[in-house]
């Protein structure tokens, strides 16, 4: 066997698929560029008026376009070539980076340009995410999908860890440098997106006729009528709202663990490190039995890790708790994403992914707000412990509301009700009688 073939067999199966490998590189480079730019923007915005509120405004400006554009963006992803929509979104990001470069060269003394460009970044994310998230099921065989989605999440986590570190280092060399490097990375990302050559990635069957309200909200209707999908998405929403306490890491680093800014950096990186380890495991063993029960168990473990973090006064123990939270959260995200990909017919994937994107964004943004409010009312440690306890209880009672979710065995057996599996049909939309359906 040649050396090249041996190397190829050491790659995860999904990365041996050329189109998915291109998509993975596109996701990684886009994530690295975004994270590097975020560090530079955060430093520059805070330097203008030394206001933490200004940093919050940047986050709000990025978030607002997501719920406003979710429905039309999802509809576009189901009518037009998804690779082109993804490339257009990357192009918007490139324009933003070029303008941030100009703002930096002019002195970066005013807040409003950063707010406007943050809004433009939110527009790019709202347009590109539904299309990009709908691509993997069309690029790899069903049996590789769980591993492919784990690899996609790993790319995001690698960017989350490496991007800020690289961005901060090169910003110290020259403030314009993060934006220049991000421009190059975005150009590479766009080129990879345009290079996708699979038939499903290049062509989209138009749904016929002009878009109307019914077609725009079709994704909402599908999620509402599909118990396994609704249960998985809402479970993630409430778990992050109640148990996602990483927003309080600065307070814990300074006032409870007494570790300073270096320790804060380690605390914020710990969940990503755990997530990368879980991603490696999932790419090697993507198939699992009793996936529904596993989802409930890892959500409960996520809550338990937050309880340990809230009670801990030991820095190593706190790091370990956060790493565990990232590990189990990656497993949870992988099950949810695979369920959404397999339970949704391709003609609706863009619209369903747009709805899921709003849920995820809302849980992250509102979760940070909930954490801060609870900490102000109860104190930081009691707030984190209470959130963890509620997350564990949530996982315990969820099967009562969504029994179909708890009964899922192998994810690869899931099919939309209109596309049953040949050997073991798994209908996921309500049917009569309810006891016989997913």
Protein backbone atom coordinates (compact mmCIF):
# COMPACT_ATOMS: atom_id res chain seq x y z
CA UNK A 1 0.00 0.00 0.00
CA UNK A 2 1.37 3.44 -0.89
CA UNK A 3 2.22 6.02 1.73
CA UNK A 4 -0.58 8.27 0.47
CA UNK A 5 -3.15 5.49 0.88
CA UNK A 6 -1.96 4.76 4.40
CA UNK A 7 -2.36 8.42 5.30
CA UNK A 8 -5.82 8.43 3.78
CA UNK A 9 -6.90 5.47 5.93
CA UNK A 10 -5.73 7.28 9.06
CA UNK A 11 -8.20 10.09 8.33
CA UNK A 12 -11.71 9.88 9.80
CA UNK A 13 -14.05 8.38 7.17
CA UNK A 14 -15.94 11.64 6.58
CA UNK A 15 -12.74 13.52 5.78
CA UNK A 16 -12.00 11.02 3.02
CA UNK A 17 -15.04 12.45 1.23
CA UNK A 18 -13.56 15.31 -0.81
CA UNK A 19 -16.61 17.58 -0.62
CA UNK A 20 -16.94 17.24 3.14
CA UNK A 21 -13.20 17.82 3.59
CA UNK A 22 -13.59 21.10 1.67
CA UNK A 23 -16.54 22.07 3.86
CA UNK A 24 -14.55 21.23 7.00
CA UNK A 25 -11.63 23.42 5.91
CA UNK A 26 -14.10 26.20 5.06
CA UNK A 27 -15.66 25.97 8.54
CA UNK A 28 -12.29 25.90 10.30
CA UNK A 29 -10.81 28.86 8.44
CA UNK A 30 -13.98 30.91 8.82
CA UNK A 31 -14.07 30.14 12.56
CA UNK A 32 -10.42 31.06 13.04
CA UNK A 33 -10.87 34.35 11.19
CA UNK A 34 -14.00 35.24 13.16
CA UNK A 35 -12.42 34.46 16.53
CA UNK A 36 -9.25 36.41 15.72
CA UNK A 37 -11.27 39.43 14.66
CA UNK A 38 -13.48 39.17 17.77
CA UNK A 39 -10.45 39.58 20.03
CA UNK A 40 -9.31 42.68 18.16
CA UNK A 41 -12.82 44.19 18.11
CA UNK A 42 -13.30 43.55 21.83
CA UNK A 43 -10.02 45.23 22.73
CA UNK A 44 -10.63 48.22 20.49
CA UNK A 45 -14.24 48.75 21.63
CA UNK A 46 -13.34 48.60 25.30
CA UNK A 47 -10.46 51.04 24.71
CA UNK A 48 -12.83 53.71 23.36
CA UNK A 49 -14.79 54.41 26.58
CA UNK A 50 -13.63 51.59 28.90
CA UNK A 51 -17.25 50.46 29.13
CA UNK A 52 -18.35 46.86 29.59
CA UNK A 53 -21.77 47.96 28.36
CA UNK A 54 -20.26 48.75 24.97
CA UNK A 55 -19.07 45.15 24.73
CA UNK A 56 -22.62 44.05 25.43
CA UNK A 57 -23.88 46.30 22.65
CA UNK A 58 -21.55 44.58 20.18
CA UNK A 59 -23.01 41.20 21.14
CA UNK A 60 -26.55 42.57 20.85
CA UNK A 61 -25.84 44.04 17.41
CA UNK A 62 -24.58 40.65 16.21
CA UNK A 63 -27.62 38.83 17.64
CA UNK A 64 -30.48 41.04 16.43
CA UNK A 65 -30.30 40.03 12.73
CA UNK A 66 -30.54 36.32 13.57
CA UNK A 67 -34.20 36.10 14.64
CA UNK A 68 -35.19 38.78 12.11
CA UNK A 69 -33.66 36.99 9.12
CA UNK A 70 -34.01 33.35 10.20
CA UNK A 71 -37.18 32.54 8.24
CA UNK A 72 -36.18 34.12 4.90
CA UNK A 73 -32.61 32.79 5.22
CA UNK A 74 -33.86 29.28 5.83
CA UNK A 75 -36.19 29.55 2.85
CA UNK A 76 -33.33 30.70 0.61
CA UNK A 77 -31.24 27.73 1.75
CA UNK A 78 -34.02 25.41 0.56
CA UNK A 79 -34.47 27.11 -2.84
CA UNK A 80 -30.99 28.16 -3.99
CA UNK A 81 -27.60 26.38 -4.18
CA UNK A 82 -26.43 26.17 -0.59
CA UNK A 83 -22.74 26.41 -1.44
CA UNK A 84 -23.40 29.76 -3.16
CA UNK A 85 -25.34 31.11 -0.17
CA UNK A 86 -22.50 30.04 2.12
CA UNK A 87 -19.98 31.73 -0.16
CA UNK A 88 -22.05 34.95 -0.26
CA UNK A 89 -22.11 35.02 3.56
CA UNK A 90 -18.32 34.60 3.63
CA UNK A 91 -18.08 37.44 1.11
CA UNK A 92 -20.03 39.71 3.47
CA UNK A 93 -17.60 38.78 6.25
CA UNK A 94 -14.70 39.71 3.96
CA UNK A 95 -16.23 43.14 3.36
CA UNK A 96 -16.64 43.58 7.11
CA UNK A 97 -12.99 42.67 7.70
CA UNK A 98 -11.87 45.15 5.04
CA UNK A 99 -13.93 47.91 6.65
CA UNK A 100 -12.62 47.04 10.12
CA UNK A 101 -9.14 47.33 8.68
CA UNK A 102 -9.98 50.85 7.46
CA UNK A 103 -11.52 51.78 10.83
CA UNK A 104 -8.39 50.58 12.61
CA UNK A 105 -6.10 52.53 10.33
CA UNK A 106 -8.17 55.66 10.98
CA UNK A 107 -7.64 55.36 14.73
CA UNK A 108 -10.73 53.38 15.92
CA UNK A 109 -11.92 56.19 18.19
CA UNK A 110 -15.70 55.94 17.65
CA UNK A 111 -18.11 53.20 18.70
CA UNK A 112 -20.73 53.44 15.95
CA UNK A 113 -18.64 51.87 13.13
CA UNK A 114 -18.08 48.79 15.27
CA UNK A 115 -21.80 48.53 16.02
CA UNK A 116 -22.73 48.81 12.34
CA UNK A 117 -20.14 46.22 11.31
CA UNK A 118 -21.20 43.90 14.14
CA UNK A 119 -24.72 44.07 12.72
CA UNK A 120 -23.34 43.21 9.28
CA UNK A 121 -21.55 40.21 10.82
CA UNK A 122 -24.88 39.11 12.29
CA UNK A 123 -26.49 39.41 8.85
CA UNK A 124 -23.77 37.21 7.33
CA UNK A 125 -24.24 34.63 10.07
CA UNK A 126 -28.02 34.64 9.67
CA UNK A 127 -27.73 34.14 5.91
CA UNK A 128 -24.91 31.60 5.84
CA UNK A 129 -25.55 29.33 8.82
CA UNK A 130 -28.76 27.60 7.65
CA UNK A 131 -27.19 26.77 4.28
CA UNK A 132 -23.86 25.64 5.75
CA UNK A 133 -25.51 23.49 8.42
CA UNK A 134 -27.73 21.84 5.78
CA UNK A 135 -24.76 20.76 3.63
CA UNK A 136 -23.21 17.79 5.56
CA UNK A 137 -26.16 15.38 5.08
CA UNK A 138 -25.84 15.91 1.32
CA UNK A 139 -22.06 15.35 1.27
CA UNK A 140 -21.57 12.11 3.21
CA UNK A 141 -23.42 8.78 3.45
CA UNK A 142 -25.91 8.42 6.30
CA UNK A 143 -23.64 6.05 8.25
CA UNK A 144 -20.90 8.73 8.30
CA UNK A 145 -23.13 11.64 9.28
CA UNK A 146 -22.70 11.49 13.07
CA UNK A 147 -18.91 11.45 12.67
CA UNK A 148 -19.07 14.25 10.10
CA UNK A 149 -21.09 16.46 12.44
CA UNK A 150 -18.65 15.74 15.27
CA UNK A 151 -15.81 16.83 12.99
CA UNK A 152 -17.70 20.01 12.13
CA UNK A 153 -18.13 20.78 15.83
CA UNK A 154 -14.45 20.02 16.43
CA UNK A 155 -13.52 22.61 13.82
CA UNK A 156 -15.58 25.18 15.72
CA UNK A 157 -13.95 24.23 19.04
CA UNK A 158 -10.44 24.32 17.58
CA UNK A 159 -11.18 27.80 16.26
CA UNK A 160 -12.55 28.82 19.68
CA UNK A 161 -9.33 27.77 21.40
CA UNK A 162 -6.74 28.79 18.83
CA UNK A 163 -8.39 31.84 17.26
CA UNK A 164 -8.37 34.16 20.31
CA UNK A 165 -4.81 33.17 21.25
CA UNK A 166 -3.49 33.84 17.74
CA UNK A 167 -5.58 36.99 17.39
CA UNK A 168 -4.34 38.46 20.66
CA UNK A 169 -0.72 37.70 19.81
CA UNK A 170 -0.76 39.27 16.35
CA UNK A 171 -2.87 42.23 17.55
CA UNK A 172 0.00 43.05 19.93
CA UNK A 173 2.36 43.06 16.93
CA UNK A 174 0.16 45.36 14.85
CA UNK A 175 -3.55 46.20 15.39
CA UNK A 176 -4.38 45.77 11.69
CA UNK A 177 -2.84 42.31 11.46
CA UNK A 178 -5.79 40.22 12.81
CA UNK A 179 -8.09 41.71 10.16
CA UNK A 180 -5.55 41.14 7.39
CA UNK A 181 -5.07 37.51 8.38
CA UNK A 182 -8.85 37.08 8.75
CA UNK A 183 -9.31 38.38 5.21
CA UNK A 184 -6.97 35.69 3.89
CA UNK A 185 -8.72 32.99 5.94
CA UNK A 186 -12.16 34.10 4.75
CA UNK A 187 -10.95 34.07 1.14
CA UNK A 188 -9.79 30.47 1.61
CA UNK A 189 -13.13 29.59 3.21
CA UNK A 190 -15.08 31.06 0.30
CA UNK A 191 -12.89 29.28 -2.24
CA UNK A 192 -13.52 25.94 -0.50
CA UNK A 193 -17.28 26.58 -0.47
CA UNK A 194 -17.31 27.36 -4.18
CA UNK A 195 -15.24 24.25 -4.90
CA UNK A 196 -17.91 21.87 -3.64
CA UNK A 197 -18.78 19.70 -6.59
CA UNK A 198 -21.27 17.11 -5.33
CA UNK A 199 -24.57 17.17 -7.20
CA UNK A 200 -26.57 17.82 -4.04
CA UNK A 201 -24.35 20.76 -3.10
CA UNK A 202 -24.51 22.32 -6.57
CA UNK A 203 -28.20 22.04 -7.29
CA UNK A 204 -31.31 22.81 -5.35
CA UNK A 205 -34.82 21.96 -6.47
CA UNK A 206 -36.91 25.08 -6.23
CA UNK A 207 -40.10 24.54 -4.30
CA UNK A 208 -42.09 26.23 -7.05
CA UNK A 209 -43.85 29.57 -7.10
CA UNK A 210 -43.11 32.71 -5.20
CA UNK A 211 -42.38 32.33 -1.47
CA UNK A 212 -45.40 32.86 0.76
CA UNK A 213 -45.99 32.88 4.49
CA UNK A 214 -46.82 29.18 4.56
CA UNK A 215 -43.52 28.23 2.95
CA UNK A 216 -41.57 30.60 5.22
CA UNK A 217 -42.96 29.04 8.40
CA UNK A 218 -42.85 25.45 7.12
CA UNK A 219 -39.77 24.79 9.26
CA UNK A 220 -41.58 25.89 12.42
CA UNK A 221 -44.50 23.63 11.60
CA UNK A 222 -42.24 20.65 10.95
CA UNK A 223 -40.34 21.10 14.23
CA UNK A 224 -43.60 21.47 16.16
CA UNK A 225 -45.05 18.28 14.66
CA UNK A 226 -41.89 16.18 15.06
CA UNK A 227 -41.57 15.11 18.73
CA UNK A 228 -37.98 13.87 18.61
CA UNK A 229 -36.80 17.07 16.99
CA UNK A 230 -38.80 19.44 19.18
CA UNK A 231 -37.69 17.57 22.29
CA UNK A 232 -34.00 17.62 21.36
CA UNK A 233 -33.93 21.31 20.45
CA UNK A 234 -35.90 22.55 23.46
CA UNK A 235 -33.91 20.35 25.85
CA UNK A 236 -30.71 22.00 24.63
CA UNK A 237 -32.34 25.45 24.94
CA UNK A 238 -33.37 25.00 28.56
CA UNK A 239 -30.17 23.20 29.57
CA UNK A 240 -28.02 26.10 28.34
CA UNK A 241 -30.39 28.68 29.83
CA UNK A 242 -30.26 27.03 33.25
CA UNK A 243 -26.83 25.42 33.35
CA UNK A 244 -24.61 27.43 31.04
CA UNK A 245 -22.63 29.48 33.57
CA UNK A 246 -19.37 30.17 31.69
CA UNK A 247 -20.41 33.84 31.45
CA UNK A 248 -19.61 34.07 35.18
CA UNK A 249 -16.05 32.80 34.68
CA UNK A 250 -14.48 36.28 35.17
CA UNK A 251 -16.18 36.60 38.57
CA UNK A 252 -15.07 33.11 39.66
CA UNK A 253 -11.51 33.69 38.46
CA UNK A 254 -11.14 36.96 40.32
CA UNK A 255 -13.24 36.65 43.48
CA UNK A 256 -13.58 32.94 44.23
CA UNK A 257 -10.62 31.07 42.72
CA UNK A 258 -8.20 34.06 42.86
CA UNK A 259 -6.29 33.08 39.72
CA UNK A 260 -6.10 36.33 37.72
CA UNK A 261 -6.43 36.83 33.95
CA UNK A 262 -4.23 33.87 33.08
CA UNK A 263 -6.51 31.59 35.07
CA UNK A 264 -9.54 33.15 33.42
CA UNK A 265 -8.13 32.23 30.04
CA UNK A 266 -7.71 28.62 31.17
CA UNK A 267 -11.25 28.54 32.59
CA UNK A 268 -12.71 29.76 29.30
CA UNK A 269 -10.63 27.29 27.30
CA UNK A 270 -11.43 24.25 29.47
CA UNK A 271 -14.89 23.52 27.97
CA UNK A 272 -13.46 23.69 24.45
CA UNK A 273 -10.68 21.26 25.38
CA UNK A 274 -13.25 18.82 26.74
CA UNK A 275 -15.35 19.26 23.61
CA UNK A 276 -12.38 18.50 21.34
CA UNK A 277 -11.69 15.29 23.27
CA UNK A 278 -15.33 14.28 22.87
CA UNK A 279 -15.14 15.12 19.18
CA UNK A 280 -12.17 12.79 18.75
CA UNK A 281 -14.13 10.03 20.48
CA UNK A 282 -17.22 10.61 18.35
CA UNK A 283 -15.28 10.56 15.08
CA UNK A 284 -13.79 7.19 16.05
CA UNK A 285 -17.05 5.72 17.40
CA UNK A 286 -19.84 7.74 15.76
CA UNK A 287 -22.51 5.06 16.16
CA UNK A 288 -24.12 4.58 19.56
CA UNK A 289 -26.95 2.55 21.04
CA UNK A 290 -29.77 4.12 23.06
CA UNK A 291 -29.00 7.59 21.76
CA UNK A 292 -32.10 9.10 23.36
CA UNK A 293 -31.18 7.88 26.82
CA UNK A 294 -27.60 8.96 26.23
CA UNK A 295 -28.78 12.48 25.42
CA UNK A 296 -30.67 12.69 28.72
CA UNK A 297 -27.69 11.30 30.65
CA UNK A 298 -25.18 13.76 29.18
CA UNK A 299 -27.53 16.69 29.87
CA UNK A 300 -27.78 15.51 33.49
CA UNK A 301 -23.97 15.19 33.58
CA UNK A 302 -23.71 18.74 32.24
CA UNK A 303 -25.83 19.95 35.17
CA UNK A 304 -23.78 17.92 37.64
CA UNK A 305 -20.53 19.41 36.31
CA UNK A 306 -21.97 22.89 36.89
CA UNK A 307 -22.84 21.94 40.48
CA UNK A 308 -19.22 20.86 41.04
CA UNK A 309 -17.95 24.07 39.45
CA UNK A 310 -20.21 26.20 41.65
CA UNK A 311 -19.12 24.46 44.84
CA UNK A 312 -15.42 24.19 43.99
CA UNK A 313 -12.78 26.40 45.56
CA UNK A 314 -9.97 24.47 43.89
CA UNK A 315 -8.70 25.75 40.55
CA UNK A 316 -7.76 22.29 39.17
CA UNK A 317 -11.16 20.90 40.20
CA UNK A 318 -12.92 23.84 38.55
CA UNK A 319 -10.95 23.28 35.35
CA UNK A 320 -11.87 19.62 35.42
CA UNK A 321 -15.56 20.38 35.95
CA UNK A 322 -15.61 22.78 33.00
CA UNK A 323 -13.75 20.29 30.80
CA UNK A 324 -16.36 17.65 31.67
CA UNK A 325 -19.12 20.14 30.85
CA UNK A 326 -17.57 20.72 27.42
CA UNK A 327 -17.17 16.98 26.84
CA UNK A 328 -20.77 16.06 27.60
CA UNK A 329 -22.10 19.17 25.86
CA UNK A 330 -20.31 18.08 22.66
CA UNK A 331 -22.01 14.67 22.88
CA UNK A 332 -25.36 16.39 23.43
CA UNK A 333 -24.83 18.74 20.47
CA UNK A 334 -23.81 15.85 18.24
CA UNK A 335 -26.94 13.84 19.06
CA UNK A 336 -29.15 16.89 18.56
CA UNK A 337 -27.51 17.87 15.27
CA UNK A 338 -27.61 14.32 13.91
CA UNK A 339 -31.25 13.97 14.93
CA UNK A 340 -32.11 17.22 13.16
CA UNK A 341 -30.20 16.23 10.03
CA UNK A 342 -31.75 12.77 9.71
CA UNK A 343 -35.26 13.58 10.91
CA UNK A 344 -35.66 16.45 8.43
CA UNK A 345 -36.29 15.95 4.70
CA UNK A 346 -33.71 17.73 2.54
CA UNK A 347 -36.32 20.11 1.10
CA UNK A 348 -36.82 21.56 4.63
CA UNK A 349 -33.31 21.37 6.08
CA UNK A 350 -32.50 25.05 5.52
CA UNK A 351 -35.67 26.22 7.26
CA UNK A 352 -35.35 23.78 10.14
CA UNK A 353 -31.67 24.69 10.63
CA UNK A 354 -32.66 28.36 10.71
CA UNK A 355 -35.11 27.65 13.56
CA UNK A 356 -32.47 25.62 15.39
CA UNK A 357 -29.98 28.47 14.92
CA UNK A 358 -32.35 30.93 16.60
CA UNK A 359 -32.84 28.52 19.52
CA UNK A 360 -29.08 28.06 19.94
CA UNK A 361 -28.32 31.78 19.69
CA UNK A 362 -31.13 32.67 22.07
CA UNK A 363 -29.99 30.10 24.62
CA UNK A 364 -26.42 31.43 24.55
CA UNK A 365 -27.37 35.09 24.74
CA UNK A 366 -30.25 34.71 27.19
CA UNK A 367 -28.26 32.17 29.18
CA UNK A 368 -25.54 34.74 29.80
CA UNK A 369 -28.20 37.26 30.86
CA UNK A 370 -29.89 34.68 33.14
CA UNK A 371 -26.54 33.81 34.73
CA UNK A 372 -25.75 37.44 35.48
CA UNK A 373 -29.22 38.14 36.87
CA UNK A 374 -29.24 35.03 39.06
CA UNK A 375 -25.75 35.81 40.35
CA UNK A 376 -26.84 39.35 41.24
CA UNK A 377 -29.86 38.03 43.17
CA UNK A 378 -28.44 34.87 44.78
CA UNK A 379 -24.68 35.22 44.61
CA UNK A 380 -22.44 33.61 42.02
CA UNK A 381 -21.88 30.18 43.59
CA UNK A 382 -25.52 29.61 44.67
CA UNK A 383 -26.71 30.69 41.21
CA UNK A 384 -24.42 28.21 39.46
CA UNK A 385 -25.38 25.37 41.81
CA UNK A 386 -29.10 26.13 41.46
CA UNK A 387 -28.79 26.18 37.68
CA UNK A 388 -27.00 22.83 37.73
CA UNK A 389 -29.64 21.26 39.98
CA UNK A 390 -32.44 22.50 37.71
CA UNK A 391 -30.64 21.08 34.67
CA UNK A 392 -30.38 17.63 36.30
CA UNK A 393 -34.09 17.77 37.19
CA UNK A 394 -34.90 18.84 33.64
CA UNK A 395 -33.15 15.77 32.22
CA UNK A 396 -35.02 13.56 34.70
CA UNK A 397 -38.51 14.81 33.78
CA UNK A 398 -37.98 15.31 30.02
CA UNK A 399 -39.02 11.74 29.05
CA UNK A 400 -42.49 12.48 30.45
CA UNK A 401 -42.92 15.30 27.93
CA UNK A 402 -41.06 13.70 25.01
CA UNK A 403 -41.12 9.90 25.42
CA UNK A 404 -40.29 9.46 21.71
CA UNK A 405 -36.94 11.18 22.26
CA UNK A 406 -36.00 8.87 25.12
CA UNK A 407 -36.85 5.80 23.00
CA UNK A 408 -34.42 6.56 20.16
CA UNK A 409 -31.89 3.76 19.75
CA UNK A 410 -29.52 4.17 16.78
CA UNK A 411 -29.57 7.64 15.24
CA UNK A 412 -28.79 6.34 11.77
CA UNK A 413 -32.16 4.55 11.78
CA UNK A 414 -34.03 7.86 11.94
CA UNK A 415 -35.79 8.90 8.75
CA UNK A 416 -38.39 11.53 7.95
CA UNK A 417 -41.84 9.94 8.00
CA UNK A 418 -42.07 10.42 4.23
CA UNK A 419 -38.77 8.56 3.73
CA UNK A 420 -38.94 5.38 5.88
CA UNK A 421 -35.91 3.15 6.22
CA UNK A 422 -36.19 0.00 4.14
CA UNK A 423 -35.33 -2.46 6.88
CA UNK A 424 -36.43 -0.75 10.08
CA UNK A 425 -38.87 2.11 9.55
CA UNK A 426 -38.79 4.77 12.21
CA UNK A 427 -41.68 7.21 11.68
CA UNK A 428 -41.04 10.43 13.55
CA UNK A 429 -44.12 12.46 12.82
CA UNK A 430 -47.27 11.82 14.89
CA UNK A 431 -49.31 8.88 13.68
CA UNK A 432 -52.17 6.81 15.05
CA UNK A 433 -51.97 5.28 17.53
CA UNK A 434 -49.38 7.48 19.35
CA UNK A 435 -47.93 4.56 21.31
CA UNK A 436 -46.60 3.02 18.08
CA UNK A 437 -44.70 6.08 16.80
CA UNK A 438 -41.46 7.90 17.46
